């Protein structure tokens, strides 16, 4: 079983992914953490010193490594991984993809100060500036995310309900 959680930054891929992995008694990995470990730098530093193209290539390398190693478990992807080149198609090909769709308002309400600070694209923005930025950015990414096997409207359900819906889908597949 290989399940990829996709969606915008701060939508809950990592937190839900950990819960889902516990519920299914399987492994959990976060592609952002794997990239940081592989490169030896934070995502913010990678973007600053090497640029987005370098980061996206490192993400793709992580994706391919998981596939080559026959990883079985839950994978929380970085918010942009599904939007770069054919990554979404690749994930759909080798596993089950789940789009955790959340409104910008709910993402902002869930973000801690640390959550804002660790994401370079969120830094230094007021709530209103961040809301406007997210609305545009999510709209750009939506066509990629929407290719997922499962699209969960997370604004309307609890995290526990989201986990159970994913488990039901996997078990009935």
Protein backbone atom coordinates (compact mmCIF):
# COMPACT_ATOMS: atom_id res chain seq x y z
CA UNK A 1 0.00 0.00 0.00
CA UNK A 2 1.35 3.38 -1.02
CA UNK A 3 -0.76 6.45 -0.20
CA UNK A 4 0.26 9.99 -1.15
CA UNK A 5 -1.38 12.92 0.65
CA UNK A 6 -1.40 16.05 -1.51
CA UNK A 7 -2.67 19.56 -0.95
CA UNK A 8 -1.69 23.08 -0.11
CA UNK A 9 0.88 23.96 2.55
CA UNK A 10 -0.69 23.84 5.98
CA UNK A 11 -3.70 21.73 4.96
CA UNK A 12 -2.77 18.92 7.35
CA UNK A 13 -0.87 16.41 5.21
CA UNK A 14 1.73 15.66 7.89
CA UNK A 15 -0.58 15.66 10.91
CA UNK A 16 -3.26 13.59 9.17
CA UNK A 17 -0.61 11.36 7.61
CA UNK A 18 0.82 10.43 11.01
CA UNK A 19 -2.66 9.62 12.33
CA UNK A 20 -3.49 7.60 9.22
CA UNK A 21 -0.23 5.64 9.49
CA UNK A 22 -0.96 4.82 13.14
CA UNK A 23 -4.51 3.76 12.25
CA UNK A 24 -3.24 1.48 9.46
CA UNK A 25 -0.20 0.30 11.45
CA UNK A 26 2.15 1.33 8.67
CA UNK A 27 5.08 3.66 8.05
CA UNK A 28 4.89 7.42 7.56
CA UNK A 29 7.30 9.71 5.71
CA UNK A 30 7.22 13.38 4.82
CA UNK A 31 8.88 14.30 1.52
CA UNK A 32 9.93 17.71 2.86
CA UNK A 33 11.82 16.02 5.71
CA UNK A 34 13.41 13.54 3.30
CA UNK A 35 14.57 16.38 1.03
CA UNK A 36 16.00 18.31 3.97
CA UNK A 37 17.83 15.23 5.22
CA UNK A 38 19.14 14.36 1.75
CA UNK A 39 20.35 17.87 0.94
CA UNK A 40 21.47 18.70 4.47
CA UNK A 41 19.61 22.01 4.61
CA UNK A 42 16.19 23.40 5.47
CA UNK A 43 13.68 23.98 2.71
CA UNK A 44 13.95 27.73 3.30
CA UNK A 45 17.73 27.55 2.83
CA UNK A 46 17.42 25.34 -0.25
CA UNK A 47 15.05 27.86 -1.85
CA UNK A 48 17.25 30.79 -0.85
CA UNK A 49 20.62 29.37 -1.93
CA UNK A 50 19.74 26.91 -4.68
CA UNK A 51 16.33 28.02 -5.96
CA UNK A 52 12.99 26.38 -6.56
CA UNK A 53 14.11 24.33 -9.58
CA UNK A 54 16.79 22.61 -7.50
CA UNK A 55 14.29 21.94 -4.70
CA UNK A 56 11.68 20.49 -7.11
CA UNK A 57 14.31 18.19 -8.64
CA UNK A 58 15.26 17.01 -5.14
CA UNK A 59 11.58 16.34 -4.41
CA UNK A 60 11.28 14.27 -7.60
CA UNK A 61 14.38 12.30 -6.61
CA UNK A 62 12.74 11.51 -3.25
CA UNK A 63 9.55 10.41 -5.02
CA UNK A 64 11.46 8.12 -7.37
CA UNK A 65 13.51 6.69 -4.52
CA UNK A 66 10.33 5.79 -2.60
CA UNK A 67 8.97 4.05 -5.70
CA UNK A 68 12.23 2.21 -6.44
CA UNK A 69 12.50 1.03 -2.83
CA UNK A 70 8.88 -0.23 -2.92
CA UNK A 71 8.00 1.94 0.06
CA UNK A 72 4.77 0.84 1.69
CA UNK A 73 3.00 3.39 3.84
CA UNK A 74 1.74 6.95 3.98
CA UNK A 75 3.61 9.79 2.25
CA UNK A 76 2.92 13.43 3.10
CA UNK A 77 4.06 15.40 0.06
CA UNK A 78 5.26 18.97 -0.04
CA UNK A 79 2.55 21.40 -1.18
CA UNK A 80 4.16 21.94 -4.58
CA UNK A 81 5.30 18.40 -5.35
CA UNK A 82 2.03 17.48 -7.10
CA UNK A 83 2.25 20.59 -9.29
CA UNK A 84 5.70 20.06 -10.78
CA UNK A 85 6.13 18.34 -14.14
CA UNK A 86 4.35 14.96 -14.14
CA UNK A 87 4.65 14.23 -10.42
CA UNK A 88 0.89 13.94 -9.89
CA UNK A 89 0.56 11.49 -12.74
CA UNK A 90 3.50 9.49 -11.38
CA UNK A 91 1.96 9.28 -7.91
CA UNK A 92 -1.40 8.24 -9.39
CA UNK A 93 0.39 5.54 -11.36
CA UNK A 94 2.16 3.93 -8.40
CA UNK A 95 -0.15 4.57 -5.46
CA UNK A 96 -3.35 6.07 -4.13
CA UNK A 97 -3.50 9.85 -4.03
CA UNK A 98 -5.62 11.82 -1.58
CA UNK A 99 -6.18 15.56 -1.95
CA UNK A 100 -6.84 17.25 1.39
CA UNK A 101 -8.79 20.27 0.18
CA UNK A 102 -9.06 23.11 2.70
CA UNK A 103 -10.07 26.72 2.32
CA UNK A 104 -7.41 29.39 2.82
CA UNK A 105 -9.40 30.66 5.82
CA UNK A 106 -9.23 27.30 7.55
CA UNK A 107 -5.54 26.81 6.73
CA UNK A 108 -4.74 30.20 8.26
CA UNK A 109 -6.76 29.39 11.38
CA UNK A 110 -4.81 26.12 11.79
CA UNK A 111 -1.34 27.63 11.31
CA UNK A 112 0.81 28.26 14.35
CA UNK A 113 3.35 31.08 14.38
CA UNK A 114 6.02 28.41 13.76
CA UNK A 115 3.98 27.02 10.85
CA UNK A 116 4.00 30.44 9.24
CA UNK A 117 7.64 31.12 9.90
CA UNK A 118 8.92 27.81 8.53
CA UNK A 119 7.19 28.39 5.17
CA UNK A 120 9.09 31.07 3.23
CA UNK A 121 6.07 32.00 1.08
CA UNK A 122 4.00 32.79 4.21
CA UNK A 123 6.61 34.85 6.08
CA UNK A 124 6.01 38.51 6.81
CA UNK A 125 2.43 38.58 5.52
CA UNK A 126 -0.50 39.90 7.52
CA UNK A 127 -3.58 37.66 7.75
CA UNK A 128 -5.25 39.59 4.93
CA UNK A 129 -2.16 39.50 2.70
CA UNK A 130 -1.74 35.80 3.38
CA UNK A 131 -5.41 35.14 2.61
CA UNK A 132 -5.18 36.91 -0.76
CA UNK A 133 -1.91 35.16 -1.60
CA UNK A 134 -3.34 31.74 -0.71
CA UNK A 135 -6.52 32.25 -2.71
CA UNK A 136 -4.52 32.90 -5.87
CA UNK A 137 -1.90 30.24 -5.23
CA UNK A 138 -4.42 27.51 -4.39
CA UNK A 139 -6.43 28.36 -7.52
CA UNK A 140 -3.26 27.86 -9.62
CA UNK A 141 -2.52 24.51 -8.00
CA UNK A 142 -6.08 23.16 -7.84
CA UNK A 143 -6.05 21.53 -11.32
CA UNK A 144 -3.07 19.40 -10.26
CA UNK A 145 -4.43 18.46 -6.83
CA UNK A 146 -7.87 17.65 -8.27
CA UNK A 147 -6.36 14.74 -10.25
CA UNK A 148 -6.15 12.76 -7.00
CA UNK A 149 -8.02 9.49 -6.62
CA UNK A 150 -9.80 10.89 -3.56
CA UNK A 151 -10.71 14.53 -2.93
CA UNK A 152 -11.65 15.19 0.69
CA UNK A 153 -13.43 18.43 1.57
CA UNK A 154 -11.65 18.83 4.91
CA UNK A 155 -13.38 22.06 5.95
CA UNK A 156 -16.54 20.07 6.62
CA UNK A 157 -15.12 17.07 8.45
CA UNK A 158 -12.94 16.39 11.46
CA UNK A 159 -9.45 14.97 11.11
CA UNK A 160 -10.74 11.68 12.59
CA UNK A 161 -13.46 11.54 9.94
CA UNK A 162 -10.91 12.24 7.21
CA UNK A 163 -8.72 9.38 8.43
CA UNK A 164 -11.70 6.98 8.49
CA UNK A 165 -12.79 8.02 5.00
CA UNK A 166 -9.32 7.30 3.65
CA UNK A 167 -9.17 3.95 5.46
CA UNK A 168 -12.59 3.00 4.04
CA UNK A 169 -11.45 3.88 0.52
CA UNK A 170 -8.26 1.84 0.85
CA UNK A 171 -10.07 -1.15 2.34
CA UNK A 172 -12.76 -1.15 -0.35
CA UNK A 173 -10.42 -0.74 -3.29
